[in-house]
């Protein structure tokens, strides 16, 4: 059983920055691949970024060069640094990992005003 708790969302103007955090339970966090997804109103949930246990990262084309995913295994936490935010980044952001089962956090709202 893995529990994921996101934080750090909020309201920001276009061009601003936010850093999301996802705190995970579990003794083997350092071996987990971690992902961020987002879901905008009326749209399907979409992949944003991932980081492997060996810190290999991958990004959706829409966020490349603006978002950075990282992890701190001493804190069992994965981060999503979001810079140069755009109104189209407005969504609920979810943390995810697959450890046998598919685990999701409750989400954190990010709203970017124009």
PDB file of N, CA and C in Angstrom:
ATOM      1  N   UNK A   1       0.858  -1.203   0.000  1.00  0.00           N
ATOM      2  CA  UNK A   1       0.000   0.000   0.000  1.00  0.00           C
ATOM      3  C   UNK A   1       0.884   1.239   0.000  1.00  0.00           C
ATOM      4  N   UNK A   2       0.628   2.134  -0.945  1.00  0.00           N
ATOM      5  CA  UNK A   2       1.370   3.383  -1.049  1.00  0.00           C
ATOM      6  C   UNK A   2       0.387   4.537  -0.973  1.00  0.00           C
ATOM      7  N   UNK A   3       0.691   5.512  -0.145  1.00  0.00           N
ATOM      8  CA  UNK A   3      -0.126   6.718  -0.070  1.00  0.00           C
ATOM      9  C   UNK A   3       0.652   7.889  -0.641  1.00  0.00           C
ATOM     10  N   UNK A   4      -0.033   8.702  -1.443  1.00  0.00           N
ATOM     11  CA  UNK A   4       0.582   9.854  -2.092  1.00  0.00           C
ATOM     12  C   UNK A   4      -0.210  11.100  -1.709  1.00  0.00           C
ATOM     13  N   UNK A   5       0.508  12.137  -1.280  1.00  0.00           N
ATOM     14  CA  UNK A   5      -0.142  13.383  -0.875  1.00  0.00           C
ATOM     15  C   UNK A   5       0.527  14.544  -1.596  1.00  0.00           C
ATOM     16  N   UNK A   6      -0.235  15.206  -2.473  1.00  0.00           N
ATOM     17  CA  UNK A   6       0.283  16.350  -3.216  1.00  0.00           C
ATOM     18  C   UNK A   6       0.048  17.650  -2.445  1.00  0.00           C
ATOM     19  N   UNK A   7       0.904  18.617  -2.713  1.00  0.00           N
ATOM     20  CA  UNK A   7       0.736  19.955  -2.148  1.00  0.00           C
ATOM     21  C   UNK A   7       1.446  20.956  -3.053  1.00  0.00           C
ATOM     22  N   UNK A   8       1.184  22.243  -2.810  1.00  0.00           N
ATOM     23  CA  UNK A   8       1.900  23.287  -3.521  1.00  0.00           C
ATOM     24  C   UNK A   8       1.128  23.975  -4.624  1.00  0.00           C
ATOM     25  N   UNK A   9      -0.090  23.518  -4.892  1.00  0.00           N
ATOM     26  CA  UNK A   9      -0.882  24.178  -5.917  1.00  0.00           C
ATOM     27  C   UNK A   9      -1.337  25.555  -5.468  1.00  0.00           C
ATOM     28  N   UNK A  10      -1.941  26.284  -6.399  1.00  0.00           N
ATOM     29  CA  UNK A  10      -2.443  27.611  -6.068  1.00  0.00           C
ATOM     30  C   UNK A  10      -2.771  28.400  -7.308  1.00  0.00           C
ATOM     31  N   UNK A  11      -2.980  29.698  -7.086  1.00  0.00           N
ATOM     32  CA  UNK A  11      -3.298  30.630  -8.156  1.00  0.00           C
ATOM     33  C   UNK A  11      -2.058  31.460  -8.476  1.00  0.00           C
ATOM     34  N   UNK A  12      -1.706  31.535  -9.750  1.00  0.00           N
ATOM     35  CA  UNK A  12      -0.520  32.280 -10.164  1.00  0.00           C
ATOM     36  C   UNK A  12      -0.808  32.962 -11.496  1.00  0.00           C
ATOM     37  N   UNK A  13      -0.163  34.080 -11.725  1.00  0.00           N
ATOM     38  CA  UNK A  13      -0.318  34.771 -13.000  1.00  0.00           C
ATOM     39  C   UNK A  13       0.517  34.092 -14.079  1.00  0.00           C
ATOM     40  N   UNK A  14       0.102  34.266 -15.308  1.00  0.00           N
ATOM     41  CA  UNK A  14       0.864  33.737 -16.440  1.00  0.00           C
ATOM     42  C   UNK A  14       2.300  34.249 -16.378  1.00  0.00           C
ATOM     43  N   UNK A  15       3.235  33.328 -16.638  1.00  0.00           N
ATOM     44  CA  UNK A  15       4.650  33.655 -16.536  1.00  0.00           C
ATOM     45  C   UNK A  15       5.257  33.359 -15.184  1.00  0.00           C
ATOM     46  N   UNK A  16       4.417  33.058 -14.211  1.00  0.00           N
ATOM     47  CA  UNK A  16       4.893  32.775 -12.865  1.00  0.00           C
ATOM     48  C   UNK A  16       5.331  31.340 -12.688  1.00  0.00           C
ATOM     49  N   UNK A  17       5.662  30.999 -11.436  1.00  0.00           N
ATOM     50  CA  UNK A  17       6.187  29.675 -11.110  1.00  0.00           C
ATOM     51  C   UNK A  17       5.476  29.097  -9.900  1.00  0.00           C
ATOM     52  N   UNK A  18       5.452  27.799  -9.851  1.00  0.00           N
ATOM     53  CA  UNK A  18       4.976  27.053  -8.684  1.00  0.00           C
ATOM     54  C   UNK A  18       5.816  25.794  -8.569  1.00  0.00           C
ATOM     55  N   UNK A  19       5.938  25.293  -7.345  1.00  0.00           N
ATOM     56  CA  UNK A  19       6.577  23.998  -7.140  1.00  0.00           C
ATOM     57  C   UNK A  19       5.607  23.080  -6.416  1.00  0.00           C
ATOM     58  N   UNK A  20       5.274  21.993  -7.069  1.00  0.00           N
ATOM     59  CA  UNK A  20       4.414  20.988  -6.474  1.00  0.00           C
ATOM     60  C   UNK A  20       5.266  19.930  -5.773  1.00  0.00           C
ATOM     61  N   UNK A  21       4.722  19.395  -4.690  1.00  0.00           N
ATOM     62  CA  UNK A  21       5.378  18.312  -3.962  1.00  0.00           C
ATOM     63  C   UNK A  21       4.425  17.131  -3.864  1.00  0.00           C
ATOM     64  N   UNK A  22       5.002  15.957  -3.834  1.00  0.00           N
ATOM     65  CA  UNK A  22       4.222  14.734  -3.624  1.00  0.00           C
ATOM     66  C   UNK A  22       4.977  13.880  -2.614  1.00  0.00           C
ATOM     67  N   UNK A  23       4.414  13.755  -1.440  1.00  0.00           N
ATOM     68  CA  UNK A  23       5.019  12.945  -0.384  1.00  0.00           C
ATOM     69  C   UNK A  23       4.450  11.536  -0.446  1.00  0.00           C
ATOM     70  N   UNK A  24       5.327  10.549  -0.442  1.00  0.00           N
ATOM     71  CA  UNK A  24       4.916   9.154  -0.584  1.00  0.00           C
ATOM     72  C   UNK A  24       5.245   8.356   0.667  1.00  0.00           C
ATOM     73  N   UNK A  25       4.360   7.420   0.977  1.00  0.00           N
ATOM     74  CA  UNK A  25       4.657   6.473   2.051  1.00  0.00           C
ATOM     75  C   UNK A  25       5.378   5.280   1.439  1.00  0.00           C
ATOM     76  N   UNK A  26       5.899   4.422   2.282  1.00  0.00           N
ATOM     77  CA  UNK A  26       6.539   3.223   1.761  1.00  0.00           C
ATOM     78  C   UNK A  26       8.036   3.231   1.966  1.00  0.00           C
ATOM     79  N   UNK A  27       8.581   2.084   2.327  1.00  0.00           N
ATOM     80  CA  UNK A  27      10.002   1.969   2.644  1.00  0.00           C
ATOM     81  C   UNK A  27      10.876   1.920   1.396  1.00  0.00           C
ATOM     82  N   UNK A  28      10.248   1.649   0.246  1.00  0.00           N
ATOM     83  CA  UNK A  28      11.036   1.434  -0.968  1.00  0.00           C
ATOM     84  C   UNK A  28      10.877   2.571  -1.958  1.00  0.00           C
ATOM     85  N   UNK A  29      10.631   3.783  -1.453  1.00  0.00           N
ATOM     86  CA  UNK A  29      10.374   4.914  -2.344  1.00  0.00           C
ATOM     87  C   UNK A  29      11.485   5.081  -3.366  1.00  0.00           C
ATOM     88  N   UNK A  30      12.716   4.867  -2.962  1.00  0.00           N
ATOM     89  CA  UNK A  30      13.835   5.106  -3.877  1.00  0.00           C
ATOM     90  C   UNK A  30      13.783   4.203  -5.107  1.00  0.00           C
ATOM     91  N   UNK A  31      13.030   3.131  -5.036  1.00  0.00           N
ATOM     92  CA  UNK A  31      12.915   2.208  -6.169  1.00  0.00           C
ATOM     93  C   UNK A  31      11.691   2.485  -7.030  1.00  0.00           C
ATOM     94  N   UNK A  32      10.853   3.453  -6.625  1.00  0.00           N
ATOM     95  CA  UNK A  32       9.615   3.736  -7.357  1.00  0.00           C
ATOM     96  C   UNK A  32       9.892   4.667  -8.530  1.00  0.00           C
ATOM     97  N   UNK A  33       9.305   4.387  -9.675  1.00  0.00           N
ATOM     98  CA  UNK A  33       9.187   5.395 -10.720  1.00  0.00           C
ATOM     99  C   UNK A  33       8.001   6.272 -10.349  1.00  0.00           C
ATOM    100  N   UNK A  34       8.141   7.576 -10.489  1.00  0.00           N
ATOM    101  CA  UNK A  34       7.093   8.511 -10.095  1.00  0.00           C
ATOM    102  C   UNK A  34       6.667   9.346 -11.296  1.00  0.00           C
ATOM    103  N   UNK A  35       5.402   9.678 -11.319  1.00  0.00           N
ATOM    104  CA  UNK A  35       4.860  10.435 -12.452  1.00  0.00           C
ATOM    105  C   UNK A  35       3.953  11.552 -11.966  1.00  0.00           C
ATOM    106  N   UNK A  36       3.864  12.580 -12.772  1.00  0.00           N
ATOM    107  CA  UNK A  36       2.867  13.631 -12.601  1.00  0.00           C
ATOM    108  C   UNK A  36       1.929  13.597 -13.806  1.00  0.00           C
ATOM    109  N   UNK A  37       0.637  13.694 -13.513  1.00  0.00           N
ATOM    110  CA  UNK A  37      -0.392  13.836 -14.531  1.00  0.00           C
ATOM    111  C   UNK A  37      -1.193  15.091 -14.205  1.00  0.00           C
ATOM    112  N   UNK A  38      -2.003  15.525 -15.147  1.00  0.00           N
ATOM    113  CA  UNK A  38      -2.913  16.651 -14.887  1.00  0.00           C
ATOM    114  C   UNK A  38      -4.221  16.437 -15.645  1.00  0.00           C
ATOM    115  N   UNK A  39      -5.252  17.056 -15.098  1.00  0.00           N
ATOM    116  CA  UNK A  39      -6.562  16.962 -15.727  1.00  0.00           C
ATOM    117  C   UNK A  39      -7.227  18.332 -15.681  1.00  0.00           C
ATOM    118  N   UNK A  40      -7.463  18.881 -16.856  1.00  0.00           N
ATOM    119  CA  UNK A  40      -8.155  20.161 -16.972  1.00  0.00           C
ATOM    120  C   UNK A  40      -9.655  19.902 -17.067  1.00  0.00           C
ATOM    121  N   UNK A  41     -10.473  20.893 -16.730  1.00  0.00           N
ATOM    122  CA  UNK A  41     -11.927  20.711 -16.793  1.00  0.00           C
ATOM    123  C   UNK A  41     -12.374  20.271 -18.182  1.00  0.00           C
ATOM    124  N   UNK A  42     -13.168  19.203 -18.221  1.00  0.00           N
ATOM    125  CA  UNK A  42     -13.714  18.730 -19.479  1.00  0.00           C
ATOM    126  C   UNK A  42     -12.743  17.961 -20.353  1.00  0.00           C
ATOM    127  N   UNK A  43     -11.538  17.715 -19.828  1.00  0.00           N
ATOM    128  CA  UNK A  43     -10.528  16.996 -20.607  1.00  0.00           C
ATOM    129  C   UNK A  43     -10.093  15.735 -19.896  1.00  0.00           C
ATOM    130  N   UNK A  44      -9.453  14.855 -20.649  1.00  0.00           N
ATOM    131  CA  UNK A  44      -8.943  13.621 -20.052  1.00  0.00           C
ATOM    132  C   UNK A  44      -7.647  13.901 -19.295  1.00  0.00           C
ATOM    133  N   UNK A  45      -7.364  13.046 -18.350  1.00  0.00           N
ATOM    134  CA  UNK A  45      -6.110  13.149 -17.614  1.00  0.00           C
ATOM    135  C   UNK A  45      -4.951  12.890 -18.579  1.00  0.00           C
ATOM    136  N   UNK A  46      -3.897  13.705 -18.464  1.00  0.00           N
ATOM    137  CA  UNK A  46      -2.776  13.560 -19.380  1.00  0.00           C
ATOM    138  C   UNK A  46      -1.455  13.521 -18.625  1.00  0.00           C
ATOM    139  N   UNK A  47      -0.505  12.821 -19.214  1.00  0.00           N
ATOM    140  CA  UNK A  47       0.831  12.692 -18.660  1.00  0.00           C
ATOM    141  C   UNK A  47       1.557  14.036 -18.714  1.00  0.00           C
ATOM    142  N   UNK A  48       2.301  14.330 -17.641  1.00  0.00           N
ATOM    143  CA  UNK A  48       3.087  15.561 -17.600  1.00  0.00           C
ATOM    144  C   UNK A  48       4.584  15.250 -17.559  1.00  0.00           C
ATOM    145  N   UNK A  49       4.996  14.430 -16.593  1.00  0.00           N
ATOM    146  CA  UNK A  49       6.420  14.151 -16.426  1.00  0.00           C
ATOM    147  C   UNK A  49       6.604  12.889 -15.605  1.00  0.00           C
ATOM    148  N   UNK A  50       7.772  12.273 -15.756  1.00  0.00           N
ATOM    149  CA  UNK A  50       8.101  11.093 -14.970  1.00  0.00           C
ATOM    150  C   UNK A  50       9.577  11.111 -14.599  1.00  0.00           C
ATOM    151  N   UNK A  51       9.891  10.378 -13.528  1.00  0.00           N
ATOM    152  CA  UNK A  51      11.276  10.209 -13.103  1.00  0.00           C
ATOM    153  C   UNK A  51      11.442   8.781 -12.617  1.00  0.00           C
ATOM    154  N   UNK A  52      12.465   8.117 -13.111  1.00  0.00           N
ATOM    155  CA  UNK A  52      12.698   6.724 -12.743  1.00  0.00           C
ATOM    156  C   UNK A  52      13.479   6.645 -11.434  1.00  0.00           C
ATOM    157  N   UNK A  53      13.686   5.422 -10.967  1.00  0.00           N
ATOM    158  CA  UNK A  53      14.463   5.237  -9.738  1.00  0.00           C
ATOM    159  C   UNK A  53      15.897   5.734  -9.938  1.00  0.00           C
ATOM    160  N   UNK A  54      16.360   5.677 -11.209  1.00  0.00           N
ATOM    161  CA  UNK A  54      17.723   6.120 -11.504  1.00  0.00           C
ATOM    162  C   UNK A  54      17.755   7.572 -11.983  1.00  0.00           C
ATOM    163  N   UNK A  55      16.623   8.281 -11.779  1.00  0.00           N
ATOM    164  CA  UNK A  55      16.517   9.710 -12.068  1.00  0.00           C
ATOM    165  C   UNK A  55      16.504  10.030 -13.557  1.00  0.00           C
ATOM    166  N   UNK A  56      16.164   9.066 -14.378  1.00  0.00           N
ATOM    167  CA  UNK A  56      15.922   9.362 -15.794  1.00  0.00           C
ATOM    168  C   UNK A  56      14.565  10.049 -15.885  1.00  0.00           C
ATOM    169  N   UNK A  57      14.511  11.166 -16.590  1.00  0.00           N
ATOM    170  CA  UNK A  57      13.283  11.944 -16.657  1.00  0.00           C
ATOM    171  C   UNK A  57      12.686  11.939 -18.065  1.00  0.00           C
ATOM    172  N   UNK A  58      11.389  12.192 -18.104  1.00  0.00           N
ATOM    173  CA  UNK A  58      10.670  12.256 -19.370  1.00  0.00           C
ATOM    174  C   UNK A  58       9.565  13.286 -19.207  1.00  0.00           C
ATOM    175  N   UNK A  59       9.288  14.043 -20.281  1.00  0.00           N
ATOM    176  CA  UNK A  59       8.308  15.123 -20.210  1.00  0.00           C
ATOM    177  C   UNK A  59       7.361  15.099 -21.403  1.00  0.00           C
ATOM    178  N   UNK A  60       6.153  15.563 -21.167  1.00  0.00           N
ATOM    179  CA  UNK A  60       5.242  15.830 -22.273  1.00  0.00           C
ATOM    180  C   UNK A  60       5.809  16.997 -23.086  1.00  0.00           C
ATOM    181  N   UNK A  61       5.554  16.977 -24.378  1.00  0.00           N
ATOM    182  CA  UNK A  61       6.074  18.041 -25.242  1.00  0.00           C
ATOM    183  C   UNK A  61       5.585  19.414 -24.795  1.00  0.00           C
ATOM    184  N   UNK A  62       4.385  19.457 -24.259  1.00  0.00           N
ATOM    185  CA  UNK A  62       3.777  20.740 -23.897  1.00  0.00           C
ATOM    186  C   UNK A  62       4.470  21.418 -22.712  1.00  0.00           C
ATOM    187  N   UNK A  63       5.264  20.680 -21.953  1.00  0.00           N
ATOM    188  CA  UNK A  63       5.911  21.269 -20.773  1.00  0.00           C
ATOM    189  C   UNK A  63       7.436  21.230 -20.844  1.00  0.00           C
ATOM    190  N   UNK A  64       7.988  20.634 -21.875  1.00  0.00           N
ATOM    191  CA  UNK A  64       9.447  20.549 -22.000  1.00  0.00           C
ATOM    192  C   UNK A  64      10.073  21.942 -21.993  1.00  0.00           C
ATOM    193  N   UNK A  65      11.140  22.070 -21.208  1.00  0.00           N
ATOM    194  CA  UNK A  65      11.828  23.349 -21.118  1.00  0.00           C
ATOM    195  C   UNK A  65      11.224  24.294 -20.098  1.00  0.00           C
ATOM    196  N   UNK A  66      10.049  23.970 -19.561  1.00  0.00           N
ATOM    197  CA  UNK A  66       9.387  24.829 -18.561  1.00  0.00           C
ATOM    198  C   UNK A  66       9.243  24.120 -17.229  1.00  0.00           C
ATOM    199  N   UNK A  67       9.005  22.820 -17.243  1.00  0.00           N
ATOM    200  CA  UNK A  67       8.789  22.040 -16.015  1.00  0.00           C
ATOM    201  C   UNK A  67      10.005  21.147 -15.762  1.00  0.00           C
ATOM    202  N   UNK A  68      10.289  20.927 -14.476  1.00  0.00           N
ATOM    203  CA  UNK A  68      11.374  20.026 -14.086  1.00  0.00           C
ATOM    204  C   UNK A  68      10.890  19.111 -12.972  1.00  0.00           C
ATOM    205  N   UNK A  69      11.027  17.820 -13.185  1.00  0.00           N
ATOM    206  CA  UNK A  69      10.686  16.838 -12.151  1.00  0.00           C
ATOM    207  C   UNK A  69      11.961  16.415 -11.448  1.00  0.00           C
ATOM    208  N   UNK A  70      11.867  16.246 -10.136  1.00  0.00           N
ATOM    209  CA  UNK A  70      13.022  15.809  -9.354  1.00  0.00           C
ATOM    210  C   UNK A  70      12.520  15.003  -8.166  1.00  0.00           C
ATOM    211  N   UNK A  71      13.454  14.386  -7.459  1.00  0.00           N
ATOM    212  CA  UNK A  71      13.064  13.571  -6.299  1.00  0.00           C
ATOM    213  C   UNK A  71      14.108  13.705  -5.207  1.00  0.00           C
ATOM    214  N   UNK A  72      13.637  13.575  -3.977  1.00  0.00           N
ATOM    215  CA  UNK A  72      14.503  13.550  -2.801  1.00  0.00           C
ATOM    216  C   UNK A  72      14.155  12.279  -2.049  1.00  0.00           C
ATOM    217  N   UNK A  73      14.988  11.268  -2.219  1.00  0.00           N
ATOM    218  CA  UNK A  73      14.680   9.974  -1.601  1.00  0.00           C
ATOM    219  C   UNK A  73      14.807  10.013  -0.082  1.00  0.00           C
ATOM    220  N   UNK A  74      15.537  10.973   0.459  1.00  0.00           N
ATOM    221  CA  UNK A  74      15.643  11.083   1.919  1.00  0.00           C
ATOM    222  C   UNK A  74      14.339  11.582   2.524  1.00  0.00           C
ATOM    223  N   UNK A  75      13.519  12.245   1.701  1.00  0.00           N
ATOM    224  CA  UNK A  75      12.237  12.771   2.175  1.00  0.00           C
ATOM    225  C   UNK A  75      11.046  12.037   1.564  1.00  0.00           C
ATOM    226  N   UNK A  76      11.311  10.997   0.789  1.00  0.00           N
ATOM    227  CA  UNK A  76      10.231  10.269   0.101  1.00  0.00           C
ATOM    228  C   UNK A  76       9.320  11.224  -0.662  1.00  0.00           C
ATOM    229  N   UNK A  77       9.926  12.158  -1.363  1.00  0.00           N
ATOM    230  CA  UNK A  77       9.161  13.213  -2.025  1.00  0.00           C
ATOM    231  C   UNK A  77       9.622  13.413  -3.458  1.00  0.00           C
ATOM    232  N   UNK A  78       8.653  13.640  -4.337  1.00  0.00           N
ATOM    233  CA  UNK A  78       8.931  14.014  -5.714  1.00  0.00           C
ATOM    234  C   UNK A  78       8.374  15.420  -5.942  1.00  0.00           C
ATOM    235  N   UNK A  79       9.081  16.194  -6.742  1.00  0.00           N
ATOM    236  CA  UNK A  79       8.723  17.581  -6.973  1.00  0.00           C
ATOM    237  C   UNK A  79       8.446  17.824  -8.449  1.00  0.00           C
ATOM    238  N   UNK A  80       7.652  18.855  -8.696  1.00  0.00           N
ATOM    239  CA  UNK A  80       7.459  19.341 -10.054  1.00  0.00           C
ATOM    240  C   UNK A  80       7.610  20.860 -10.021  1.00  0.00           C
ATOM    241  N   UNK A  81       8.753  21.327 -10.499  1.00  0.00           N
ATOM    242  CA  UNK A  81       8.991  22.763 -10.593  1.00  0.00           C
ATOM    243  C   UNK A  81       8.401  23.240 -11.907  1.00  0.00           C
ATOM    244  N   UNK A  82       7.477  24.190 -11.824  1.00  0.00           N
ATOM    245  CA  UNK A  82       6.784  24.679 -13.006  1.00  0.00           C
ATOM    246  C   UNK A  82       7.095  26.155 -13.197  1.00  0.00           C
ATOM    247  N   UNK A  83       7.766  26.468 -14.287  1.00  0.00           N
ATOM    248  CA  UNK A  83       8.125  27.843 -14.611  1.00  0.00           C
ATOM    249  C   UNK A  83       7.412  28.287 -15.884  1.00  0.00           C
ATOM    250  N   UNK A  84       7.396  29.594 -16.103  1.00  0.00           N
ATOM    251  CA  UNK A  84       6.778  30.154 -17.311  1.00  0.00           C
ATOM    252  C   UNK A  84       5.376  29.588 -17.527  1.00  0.00           C
ATOM    253  N   UNK A  85       4.603  29.602 -16.457  1.00  0.00           N
ATOM    254  CA  UNK A  85       3.270  28.992 -16.520  1.00  0.00           C
ATOM    255  C   UNK A  85       2.357  29.740 -17.485  1.00  0.00           C
ATOM    256  N   UNK A  86       1.486  28.956 -18.119  1.00  0.00           N
ATOM    257  CA  UNK A  86       0.536  29.471 -19.094  1.00  0.00           C
ATOM    258  C   UNK A  86      -0.892  29.156 -18.630  1.00  0.00           C
ATOM    259  N   UNK A  87      -1.867  29.916 -19.080  1.00  0.00           N
ATOM    260  CA  UNK A  87      -3.262  29.605 -18.702  1.00  0.00           C
ATOM    261  C   UNK A  87      -3.644  28.167 -19.044  1.00  0.00           C
ATOM    262  N   UNK A  88      -3.092  27.628 -20.105  1.00  0.00           N
ATOM    263  CA  UNK A  88      -3.420  26.245 -20.485  1.00  0.00           C
ATOM    264  C   UNK A  88      -2.805  25.203 -19.559  1.00  0.00           C
ATOM    265  N   UNK A  89      -1.975  25.623 -18.625  1.00  0.00           N
ATOM    266  CA  UNK A  89      -1.461  24.699 -17.600  1.00  0.00           C
ATOM    267  C   UNK A  89      -2.453  24.535 -16.448  1.00  0.00           C
ATOM    268  N   UNK A  90      -3.529  25.307 -16.460  1.00  0.00           N
ATOM    269  CA  UNK A  90      -4.544  25.202 -15.415  1.00  0.00           C
ATOM    270  C   UNK A  90      -5.144  23.803 -15.409  1.00  0.00           C
ATOM    271  N   UNK A  91      -5.087  23.149 -14.248  1.00  0.00           N
ATOM    272  CA  UNK A  91      -5.557  21.774 -14.124  1.00  0.00           C
ATOM    273  C   UNK A  91      -5.406  21.326 -12.676  1.00  0.00           C
ATOM    274  N   UNK A  92      -5.979  20.171 -12.391  1.00  0.00           N
ATOM    275  CA  UNK A  92      -5.654  19.474 -11.155  1.00  0.00           C
ATOM    276  C   UNK A  92      -4.473  18.559 -11.463  1.00  0.00           C
ATOM    277  N   UNK A  93      -3.422  18.666 -10.669  1.00  0.00           N
ATOM    278  CA  UNK A  93      -2.209  17.892 -10.875  1.00  0.00           C
ATOM    279  C   UNK A  93      -2.177  16.723  -9.897  1.00  0.00           C
ATOM    280  N   UNK A  94      -1.884  15.540 -10.450  1.00  0.00           N
ATOM    281  CA  UNK A  94      -1.885  14.311  -9.670  1.00  0.00           C
ATOM    282  C   UNK A  94      -0.512  13.639  -9.711  1.00  0.00           C
ATOM    283  N   UNK A  95      -0.158  13.084  -8.594  1.00  0.00           N
ATOM    284  CA  UNK A  95       1.036  12.265  -8.468  1.00  0.00           C
ATOM    285  C   UNK A  95       0.633  10.806  -8.630  1.00  0.00           C
ATOM    286  N   UNK A  96       1.496  10.016  -9.235  1.00  0.00           N
ATOM    287  CA  UNK A  96       1.158   8.611  -9.523  1.00  0.00           C
ATOM    288  C   UNK A  96       2.396   7.735  -9.427  1.00  0.00           C
ATOM    289  N   UNK A  97       2.182   6.508  -8.954  1.00  0.00           N
ATOM    290  CA  UNK A  97       3.199   5.483  -9.057  1.00  0.00           C
ATOM    291  C   UNK A  97       2.514   4.136  -9.217  1.00  0.00           C
ATOM    292  N   UNK A  98       3.212   3.204  -9.814  1.00  0.00           N
ATOM    293  CA  UNK A  98       2.690   1.849  -9.985  1.00  0.00           C
ATOM    294  C   UNK A  98       3.632   0.910  -9.250  1.00  0.00           C
ATOM    295  N   UNK A  99       3.146   0.368  -8.152  1.00  0.00           N
ATOM    296  CA  UNK A  99       3.920  -0.591  -7.371  1.00  0.00           C
ATOM    297  C   UNK A  99       3.010  -1.793  -7.170  1.00  0.00           C
ATOM    298  N   UNK A 100       2.973  -2.662  -8.162  1.00  0.00           N
ATOM    299  CA  UNK A 100       1.978  -3.728  -8.148  1.00  0.00           C
ATOM    300  C   UNK A 100       0.647  -3.159  -8.599  1.00  0.00           C
ATOM    301  N   UNK A 101       0.085  -2.293  -7.801  1.00  0.00           N
ATOM    302  CA  UNK A 101      -1.150  -1.586  -8.129  1.00  0.00           C
ATOM    303  C   UNK A 101      -0.845  -0.151  -8.547  1.00  0.00           C
ATOM    304  N   UNK A 102      -1.871   0.490  -9.056  1.00  0.00           N
ATOM    305  CA  UNK A 102      -1.776   1.871  -9.544  1.00  0.00           C
ATOM    306  C   UNK A 102      -2.209   2.791  -8.403  1.00  0.00           C
ATOM    307  N   UNK A 103      -1.312   3.679  -7.959  1.00  0.00           N
ATOM    308  CA  UNK A 103      -1.632   4.566  -6.850  1.00  0.00           C
ATOM    309  C   UNK A 103      -1.663   6.017  -7.312  1.00  0.00           C
ATOM    310  N   UNK A 104      -2.658   6.761  -6.784  1.00  0.00           N
ATOM    311  CA  UNK A 104      -2.839   8.169  -7.122  1.00  0.00           C
ATOM    312  C   UNK A 104      -3.018   8.983  -5.850  1.00  0.00           C
ATOM    313  N   UNK A 105      -2.547  10.215  -5.902  1.00  0.00           N
ATOM    314  CA  UNK A 105      -2.852  11.148  -4.836  1.00  0.00           C
ATOM    315  C   UNK A 105      -4.215  11.780  -5.066  1.00  0.00           C
ATOM    316  N   UNK A 106      -4.578  12.697  -4.170  1.00  0.00           N
ATOM    317  CA  UNK A 106      -5.886  13.344  -4.249  1.00  0.00           C
ATOM    318  C   UNK A 106      -5.898  14.513  -5.222  1.00  0.00           C
ATOM    319  N   UNK A 107      -4.719  14.966  -5.622  1.00  0.00           N
ATOM    320  CA  UNK A 107      -4.616  16.069  -6.565  1.00  0.00           C
ATOM    321  C   UNK A 107      -4.461  17.415  -5.890  1.00  0.00           C
ATOM    322  N   UNK A 108      -3.849  18.344  -6.617  1.00  0.00           N
ATOM    323  CA  UNK A 108      -3.717  19.718  -6.145  1.00  0.00           C
ATOM    324  C   UNK A 108      -4.033  20.641  -7.322  1.00  0.00           C
ATOM    325  N   UNK A 109      -4.831  21.658  -7.048  1.00  0.00           N
ATOM    326  CA  UNK A 109      -5.317  22.553  -8.102  1.00  0.00           C
ATOM    327  C   UNK A 109      -4.262  23.601  -8.436  1.00  0.00           C
ATOM    328  N   UNK A 110      -4.003  23.753  -9.721  1.00  0.00           N
ATOM    329  CA  UNK A 110      -3.148  24.819 -10.227  1.00  0.00           C
ATOM    330  C   UNK A 110      -3.986  25.670 -11.176  1.00  0.00           C
ATOM    331  N   UNK A 111      -4.058  26.957 -10.881  1.00  0.00           N
ATOM    332  CA  UNK A 111      -4.809  27.880 -11.718  1.00  0.00           C
ATOM    333  C   UNK A 111      -3.887  28.998 -12.186  1.00  0.00           C
ATOM    334  N   UNK A 112      -3.783  29.177 -13.498  1.00  0.00           N
ATOM    335  CA  UNK A 112      -2.918  30.204 -14.070  1.00  0.00           C
ATOM    336  C   UNK A 112      -3.805  31.242 -14.743  1.00  0.00           C
ATOM    337  N   UNK A 113      -3.730  32.457 -14.237  1.00  0.00           N
ATOM    338  CA  UNK A 113      -4.561  33.533 -14.788  1.00  0.00           C
ATOM    339  C   UNK A 113      -3.803  34.278 -15.884  1.00  0.00           C
ATOM    340  N   UNK A 114      -4.554  34.752 -16.845  1.00  0.00           N
ATOM    341  CA  UNK A 114      -3.928  35.474 -17.975  1.00  0.00           C
ATOM    342  C   UNK A 114      -3.828  36.970 -17.695  1.00  0.00           C
TER     343      UNK A 114
END
